[in-house]
């Protein structure tokens, strides 16, 4: 493998692999089964409307091997936005090879260059200990917040 993956914004041609990775990420991290058509529509919408969700991909030897998406949240406390990292996935063959680190550092660099961004956040499933360790190795720290939701979407079905 090329130890220096190219990090770039996603393109329309990446929609199938991003969708595949999104479905795998939901299954692996939360035991959820996503509807493939709904996931594809969601990915395609974000690629077409990056102001709502901007995907970045890691490419090695012409193959997309990792991804993440950023969304923005306005902070009235800071009068700036937080970038939220979501939909993180690295193909199993490329894990442990700094693919996510490169994606994260790319996004972090972009965020630090934007005076309207005050920080980066993400949420992680409480049982995803491997991801938590990876985030902490990058210098991220847990917050005192818990996430609550009300949902009416049928996007994910518990497998267990």
Protein backbone atom coordinates (compact mmCIF):
# COMPACT_ATOMS: atom_id res chain seq x y z
CA UNK A 1 0.00 0.00 0.00
CA UNK A 2 1.04 3.57 -0.61
CA UNK A 3 1.76 4.79 2.93
CA UNK A 4 0.77 8.31 1.95
CA UNK A 5 -2.89 8.22 0.90
CA UNK A 6 -4.29 11.12 -1.06
CA UNK A 7 -6.98 12.98 0.88
CA UNK A 8 -9.55 14.75 -1.27
CA UNK A 9 -13.14 15.89 -1.39
CA UNK A 10 -15.56 13.23 -2.54
CA UNK A 11 -16.83 13.18 -6.11
CA UNK A 12 -20.01 11.86 -7.66
CA UNK A 13 -18.09 8.78 -8.81
CA UNK A 14 -17.34 7.97 -5.13
CA UNK A 15 -21.03 7.63 -4.17
CA UNK A 16 -21.13 3.80 -4.52
CA UNK A 17 -18.07 3.16 -2.33
CA UNK A 18 -19.08 5.78 0.24
CA UNK A 19 -22.51 4.13 0.43
CA UNK A 20 -20.91 0.71 0.85
CA UNK A 21 -18.66 2.05 3.63
CA UNK A 22 -21.57 3.86 5.33
CA UNK A 23 -23.58 0.64 5.49
CA UNK A 24 -20.58 -1.28 6.84
CA UNK A 25 -19.83 1.43 9.42
CA UNK A 26 -23.39 1.37 10.79
CA UNK A 27 -23.33 -2.43 11.02
CA UNK A 28 -19.87 -2.64 12.62
CA UNK A 29 -20.13 0.25 15.06
CA UNK A 30 -23.77 0.13 16.16
CA UNK A 31 -25.23 -3.12 14.88
CA UNK A 32 -27.61 -1.21 12.60
CA UNK A 33 -28.84 -2.33 9.21
CA UNK A 34 -29.25 0.61 6.85
CA UNK A 35 -31.52 0.52 3.83
CA UNK A 36 -29.08 0.64 0.87
CA UNK A 37 -31.30 2.87 -1.28
CA UNK A 38 -31.85 5.36 1.54
CA UNK A 39 -28.12 5.39 2.33
CA UNK A 40 -27.27 5.96 -1.33
CA UNK A 41 -29.74 8.83 -1.56
CA UNK A 42 -28.29 10.34 1.62
CA UNK A 43 -24.73 10.12 0.34
CA UNK A 44 -25.68 11.47 -3.08
CA UNK A 45 -27.47 14.42 -1.48
CA UNK A 46 -24.42 15.31 0.63
CA UNK A 47 -22.07 15.04 -2.35
CA UNK A 48 -24.38 17.34 -4.34
CA UNK A 49 -24.90 19.74 -1.38
CA UNK A 50 -21.58 19.90 0.52
CA UNK A 51 -22.85 22.74 2.70
CA UNK A 52 -25.05 20.12 4.40
CA UNK A 53 -22.47 17.35 4.62
CA UNK A 54 -19.02 17.31 3.06
CA UNK A 55 -17.30 13.98 2.48
CA UNK A 56 -13.56 13.55 2.36
CA UNK A 57 -12.01 10.32 1.15
CA UNK A 58 -8.59 8.70 1.47
CA UNK A 59 -7.37 7.15 -1.75
CA UNK A 60 -4.51 4.65 -2.04
CA UNK A 61 -3.33 3.42 -5.42
CA UNK A 62 -6.51 4.75 -7.05
CA UNK A 63 -8.83 3.03 -4.55
CA UNK A 64 -10.97 4.79 -1.94
CA UNK A 65 -10.00 3.16 1.36
CA UNK A 66 -11.45 5.54 3.96
CA UNK A 67 -13.90 8.34 4.47
CA UNK A 68 -15.38 10.85 6.84
CA UNK A 69 -18.05 13.51 6.55
CA UNK A 70 -18.19 16.88 8.22
CA UNK A 71 -21.29 18.87 9.09
CA UNK A 72 -21.54 22.27 10.76
CA UNK A 73 -23.27 23.34 13.94
CA UNK A 74 -23.66 27.00 14.87
CA UNK A 75 -22.48 27.86 18.38
CA UNK A 76 -24.21 30.94 19.71
CA UNK A 77 -21.86 30.79 22.71
CA UNK A 78 -18.88 31.33 20.42
CA UNK A 79 -20.47 33.02 17.38
CA UNK A 80 -18.69 30.43 15.23
CA UNK A 81 -19.32 26.90 14.01
CA UNK A 82 -18.15 23.52 15.18
CA UNK A 83 -17.34 20.98 12.52
CA UNK A 84 -18.78 17.59 13.41
CA UNK A 85 -17.04 14.52 12.06
CA UNK A 86 -19.44 11.76 11.08
CA UNK A 87 -19.60 8.60 8.95
CA UNK A 88 -15.99 7.59 9.66
CA UNK A 89 -14.91 4.38 8.00
CA UNK A 90 -11.64 2.79 6.96
CA UNK A 91 -11.65 -0.41 4.92
CA UNK A 92 -10.48 -3.32 7.10
CA UNK A 93 -7.47 -3.97 4.83
CA UNK A 94 -6.19 -0.46 5.57
CA UNK A 95 -6.83 -0.15 9.30
CA UNK A 96 -3.84 0.52 11.51
CA UNK A 97 -2.06 2.33 8.66
CA UNK A 98 -2.86 5.94 9.66
CA UNK A 99 -5.63 6.39 7.08
CA UNK A 100 -8.02 7.95 9.61
CA UNK A 101 -5.18 10.02 11.10
CA UNK A 102 -4.52 11.52 7.66
CA UNK A 103 -8.22 12.22 7.08
CA UNK A 104 -8.52 13.83 10.51
CA UNK A 105 -5.38 15.96 10.15
CA UNK A 106 -6.59 17.17 6.73
CA UNK A 107 -9.95 18.26 8.14
CA UNK A 108 -8.30 19.75 11.23
CA UNK A 109 -5.97 21.80 9.02
CA UNK A 110 -8.92 23.13 6.98
CA UNK A 111 -10.85 23.95 10.16
CA UNK A 112 -7.91 25.82 11.73
CA UNK A 113 -7.53 27.90 8.57
CA UNK A 114 -11.20 28.96 8.67
CA UNK A 115 -11.75 31.84 11.12
CA UNK A 116 -15.44 30.92 11.33
CA UNK A 117 -14.69 27.49 12.84
CA UNK A 118 -14.10 27.19 16.60
CA UNK A 119 -13.46 23.44 16.91
CA UNK A 120 -14.11 19.88 15.85
CA UNK A 121 -16.46 17.46 17.56
CA UNK A 122 -17.73 13.97 16.96
CA UNK A 123 -19.93 11.45 18.65
CA UNK A 124 -19.11 7.80 19.09
CA UNK A 125 -21.16 4.81 20.15
CA UNK A 126 -20.51 4.01 23.82
CA UNK A 127 -19.29 0.50 22.95
CA UNK A 128 -16.91 1.54 20.17
CA UNK A 129 -13.77 1.45 22.33
CA UNK A 130 -11.38 1.12 19.40
CA UNK A 131 -12.65 4.34 17.86
CA UNK A 132 -12.49 6.14 21.20
CA UNK A 133 -8.86 5.14 21.63
CA UNK A 134 -8.05 6.34 18.10
CA UNK A 135 -9.69 9.72 18.74
CA UNK A 136 -7.82 10.16 22.00
CA UNK A 137 -4.50 9.32 20.28
CA UNK A 138 -5.21 12.27 17.97
CA UNK A 139 -5.57 14.58 20.97
CA UNK A 140 -9.36 14.69 21.15
CA UNK A 141 -10.88 14.57 24.62
CA UNK A 142 -14.24 13.31 25.86
CA UNK A 143 -16.76 16.00 26.78
CA UNK A 144 -19.24 16.09 29.61
CA UNK A 145 -22.15 15.91 27.17
CA UNK A 146 -24.43 12.98 26.40
CA UNK A 147 -26.42 12.85 23.19
CA UNK A 148 -30.20 12.45 23.33
CA UNK A 149 -32.55 12.13 20.43
CA UNK A 150 -36.08 11.76 19.27
CA UNK A 151 -36.30 10.01 15.94
CA UNK A 152 -39.04 9.04 13.59
CA UNK A 153 -36.77 7.79 10.83
CA UNK A 154 -36.58 4.16 9.81
CA UNK A 155 -32.94 4.63 8.72
CA UNK A 156 -31.46 2.01 11.04
CA UNK A 157 -32.79 -1.25 12.38
CA UNK A 158 -31.21 -2.95 15.35
CA UNK A 159 -29.79 -6.32 14.36
CA UNK A 160 -29.64 -7.65 17.87
